[in-house]
């Protein structure tokens, strides 16, 4: 399946990357090594990780819960749990694996707990379309009104189909497509083998391809 078909708007525009130096740190530290510094009491190391992963974490949460305020709160809770768990951290796996396990558990629990409270298949008209960078209210002279309507219908359909996937498939697609995580990372987060992860993603993308044939 053409994964480009799955482009969905994020909660906020991506910020310009800014490097936050770690006082006294040499070049080439991995995130796991930075987390070990945070474990040892280096607050600047923890701040560095929050700065680096806050926006990706908010976007991950938003694609899971479809609620901007909840996504911000859940991302905050992820880093709070990272901080509280810092003394027990062991660099036996990539830092992102540990981070996304915490995030995944929080997101899944939130979705299950609020299943009957959340409006289904909603779309925020103020969100920017990743393909155009424009909100739905801003006119784009390069496309016709009909093309704009088709894009809107496509965006809503993709969102609905991704949200309707079985839980593990949805998690895998979001991590693979939107968080740019590879099979090995996703497998570690979901506690699956790599082959099982590839099979999971294949089934998810095949389902989406069949359901979104009219938009291909």
Protein backbone atom coordinates (compact mmCIF):
# COMPACT_ATOMS: atom_id res chain seq x y z
CA UNK A 1 0.00 0.00 0.00
CA UNK A 2 1.13 3.53 -0.73
CA UNK A 3 1.82 4.80 2.78
CA UNK A 4 1.68 8.36 1.42
CA UNK A 5 -2.06 7.84 1.28
CA UNK A 6 -2.12 7.80 5.05
CA UNK A 7 -0.85 11.35 5.64
CA UNK A 8 -2.95 12.84 8.42
CA UNK A 9 -2.76 16.28 10.01
CA UNK A 10 -0.85 16.60 13.28
CA UNK A 11 -1.99 18.58 16.22
CA UNK A 12 0.46 21.46 15.72
CA UNK A 13 3.05 22.49 13.10
CA UNK A 14 6.42 20.87 13.60
CA UNK A 15 8.82 23.24 15.39
CA UNK A 16 12.23 24.16 14.08
CA UNK A 17 14.78 21.80 15.58
CA UNK A 18 16.89 23.47 18.25
CA UNK A 19 19.86 21.74 19.83
CA UNK A 20 20.04 21.97 23.61
CA UNK A 21 23.61 21.24 24.67
CA UNK A 22 24.24 19.04 27.67
CA UNK A 23 26.64 20.82 30.02
CA UNK A 24 29.93 18.92 30.09
CA UNK A 25 28.67 16.19 27.75
CA UNK A 26 30.86 14.91 24.97
CA UNK A 27 29.55 14.54 21.46
CA UNK A 28 27.92 11.29 20.40
CA UNK A 29 25.89 10.40 23.48
CA UNK A 30 22.96 8.11 22.77
CA UNK A 31 19.57 8.85 24.27
CA UNK A 32 20.08 5.87 26.59
CA UNK A 33 23.33 7.41 27.84
CA UNK A 34 21.60 10.76 28.33
CA UNK A 35 18.85 9.00 30.30
CA UNK A 36 21.51 7.38 32.48
CA UNK A 37 22.77 10.89 33.26
CA UNK A 38 19.22 11.87 34.18
CA UNK A 39 19.06 8.78 36.39
CA UNK A 40 22.21 9.99 38.14
CA UNK A 41 20.53 13.32 38.92
CA UNK A 42 21.48 15.49 35.93
CA UNK A 43 18.38 17.68 35.44
CA UNK A 44 19.75 19.16 32.20
CA UNK A 45 19.88 15.65 30.72
CA UNK A 46 16.21 15.07 31.52
CA UNK A 47 15.30 18.51 30.12
CA UNK A 48 17.14 17.62 26.90
CA UNK A 49 15.07 14.45 26.45
CA UNK A 50 11.81 16.28 27.16
CA UNK A 51 12.71 18.93 24.57
CA UNK A 52 13.69 16.31 21.99
CA UNK A 53 10.65 14.06 22.36
CA UNK A 54 7.83 16.31 23.56
CA UNK A 55 6.44 17.18 20.12
CA UNK A 56 6.69 13.62 18.72
CA UNK A 57 5.01 12.38 21.90
CA UNK A 58 2.15 14.90 21.64
CA UNK A 59 1.63 13.94 17.99
CA UNK A 60 1.64 10.23 18.85
CA UNK A 61 -0.91 10.77 21.59
CA UNK A 62 -3.08 12.95 19.38
CA UNK A 63 -3.23 10.31 16.67
CA UNK A 64 -4.24 7.80 19.30
CA UNK A 65 -6.86 9.83 21.20
CA UNK A 66 -7.92 12.51 18.66
CA UNK A 67 -8.17 15.14 21.36
CA UNK A 68 -5.57 17.97 21.46
CA UNK A 69 -6.00 18.76 25.17
CA UNK A 70 -5.87 15.09 26.17
CA UNK A 71 -2.82 14.56 23.95
CA UNK A 72 -0.95 17.36 25.73
CA UNK A 73 -1.94 15.98 29.15
CA UNK A 74 -0.97 12.43 28.24
CA UNK A 75 2.39 13.52 26.84
CA UNK A 76 3.03 15.39 30.08
CA UNK A 77 2.12 12.27 32.03
CA UNK A 78 4.56 10.19 29.95
CA UNK A 79 7.47 12.43 30.94
CA UNK A 80 6.29 12.53 34.53
CA UNK A 81 6.40 8.74 34.59
CA UNK A 82 9.82 8.74 32.93
CA UNK A 83 11.07 11.07 35.66
CA UNK A 84 9.53 9.04 38.46
CA UNK A 85 10.95 5.82 37.01
CA UNK A 86 14.42 7.21 36.28
CA UNK A 87 16.13 5.41 39.16
CA UNK A 88 14.99 2.04 37.82
CA UNK A 89 16.04 2.74 34.22
CA UNK A 90 18.43 0.25 32.62
CA UNK A 91 19.91 0.90 29.18
CA UNK A 92 19.21 -2.64 27.99
CA UNK A 93 17.12 -1.36 25.07
CA UNK A 94 16.84 1.86 23.11
CA UNK A 95 15.48 4.77 25.10
CA UNK A 96 12.69 5.26 22.55
CA UNK A 97 11.53 1.68 23.11
CA UNK A 98 11.12 2.33 26.83
CA UNK A 99 9.52 5.72 26.16
CA UNK A 100 6.95 4.39 23.69
CA UNK A 101 6.06 1.46 25.92
CA UNK A 102 5.08 3.97 28.60
CA UNK A 103 3.21 6.07 26.03
CA UNK A 104 1.45 3.08 24.49
CA UNK A 105 0.17 1.83 27.83
CA UNK A 106 -1.14 5.29 28.72
CA UNK A 107 -2.79 5.82 25.34
CA UNK A 108 -4.44 2.40 25.25
CA UNK A 109 -5.80 2.81 28.78
CA UNK A 110 -7.12 6.28 27.98
CA UNK A 111 -8.86 5.08 24.81
CA UNK A 112 -10.44 2.15 26.64
CA UNK A 113 -11.55 4.29 29.58
CA UNK A 114 -13.10 7.01 27.40
CA UNK A 115 -14.48 4.83 24.60
CA UNK A 116 -18.08 5.85 25.34
CA UNK A 117 -17.29 9.50 25.99
CA UNK A 118 -15.48 10.43 22.77
CA UNK A 119 -17.35 11.57 19.64
CA UNK A 120 -16.64 9.19 16.78
CA UNK A 121 -15.00 10.20 13.51
CA UNK A 122 -14.67 13.89 14.19
CA UNK A 123 -12.45 16.29 12.25
CA UNK A 124 -11.00 19.54 13.53
CA UNK A 125 -11.44 22.24 10.90
CA UNK A 126 -8.55 24.24 12.38
CA UNK A 127 -5.99 21.49 11.74
CA UNK A 128 -3.52 21.98 8.94
CA UNK A 129 -3.49 19.44 6.12
CA UNK A 130 -0.01 17.89 5.91
CA UNK A 131 -0.22 17.79 2.12
CA UNK A 132 -1.00 21.48 1.67
CA UNK A 133 -0.03 23.09 4.98
CA UNK A 134 -3.38 24.91 4.93
CA UNK A 135 -6.44 24.68 7.13
CA UNK A 136 -9.74 23.77 5.55
CA UNK A 137 -10.95 27.37 5.89
CA UNK A 138 -8.02 28.90 3.99
CA UNK A 139 -8.54 29.14 0.27
CA UNK A 140 -5.92 27.56 -1.97
CA UNK A 141 -5.98 29.11 -5.42
CA UNK A 142 -4.14 26.13 -6.89
CA UNK A 143 -7.06 23.73 -6.35
CA UNK A 144 -10.71 23.88 -7.23
CA UNK A 145 -13.57 23.72 -4.73
CA UNK A 146 -14.27 20.18 -5.91
CA UNK A 147 -10.64 19.13 -5.33
CA UNK A 148 -10.74 20.68 -1.86
CA UNK A 149 -13.88 18.69 -1.06
CA UNK A 150 -12.26 15.46 -2.27
CA UNK A 151 -9.22 16.15 -0.07
CA UNK A 152 -11.44 16.75 2.92
CA UNK A 153 -13.39 13.54 2.28
CA UNK A 154 -10.13 11.65 1.84
CA UNK A 155 -8.69 13.03 5.09
CA UNK A 156 -11.81 12.08 7.05
CA UNK A 157 -11.98 8.61 5.46
CA UNK A 158 -8.33 7.86 6.25
CA UNK A 159 -8.77 8.99 9.84
CA UNK A 160 -11.87 6.86 10.30
CA UNK A 161 -10.25 3.74 8.81
CA UNK A 162 -7.04 4.08 10.84
CA UNK A 163 -9.02 4.65 14.05
CA UNK A 164 -11.20 1.61 13.26
CA UNK A 165 -8.23 -0.78 12.97
CA UNK A 166 -7.79 -3.35 15.74
CA UNK A 167 -5.82 -1.88 18.62
CA UNK A 168 -2.42 -3.43 17.90
CA UNK A 169 -2.67 -2.75 14.18
CA UNK A 170 -3.54 0.89 14.85
CA UNK A 171 -0.59 1.27 17.22
CA UNK A 172 1.77 -0.34 14.72
CA UNK A 173 0.60 1.87 11.84
CA UNK A 174 0.92 5.05 13.89
CA UNK A 175 4.42 4.14 15.06
CA UNK A 176 5.51 2.98 11.58
CA UNK A 177 4.01 5.70 9.43
CA UNK A 178 3.89 8.75 11.67
CA UNK A 179 6.66 8.18 14.20
CA UNK A 180 9.06 6.72 11.58
CA UNK A 181 9.88 3.75 13.81
CA UNK A 182 11.36 0.65 12.19
CA UNK A 183 10.10 -2.92 12.53
CA UNK A 184 12.55 -3.76 15.29
CA UNK A 185 11.57 -0.76 17.43
CA UNK A 186 7.86 -1.44 16.99
CA UNK A 187 8.40 -5.10 17.82
CA UNK A 188 10.19 -4.16 21.04
CA UNK A 189 7.47 -1.72 22.07
CA UNK A 190 4.65 -4.19 21.36
CA UNK A 191 6.70 -7.14 22.68
CA UNK A 192 6.40 -9.07 19.42
CA UNK A 193 8.91 -10.71 17.11
CA UNK A 194 10.00 -8.75 14.05
CA UNK A 195 8.26 -11.22 11.75
CA UNK A 196 5.03 -10.91 13.74
CA UNK A 197 5.31 -7.11 13.54
CA UNK A 198 5.77 -7.22 9.76
CA UNK A 199 2.75 -9.50 9.48
CA UNK A 200 0.72 -7.16 11.72
CA UNK A 201 1.58 -4.15 9.57
CA UNK A 202 0.95 -6.05 6.34
CA UNK A 203 -2.57 -6.93 7.51
CA UNK A 204 -3.20 -3.36 8.61
CA UNK A 205 -2.02 -1.79 5.35
CA UNK A 206 -3.88 -4.38 3.30
CA UNK A 207 -7.09 -3.60 5.19
CA UNK A 208 -6.58 0.13 4.62
CA UNK A 209 -5.74 -0.41 0.94
CA UNK A 210 -8.97 -2.31 0.40
CA UNK A 211 -11.07 0.19 2.34
CA UNK A 212 -9.51 3.25 0.70
CA UNK A 213 -9.39 1.99 -2.91
CA UNK A 214 -11.45 4.90 -4.16
CA UNK A 215 -8.80 7.37 -2.92
CA UNK A 216 -5.78 5.60 -4.46
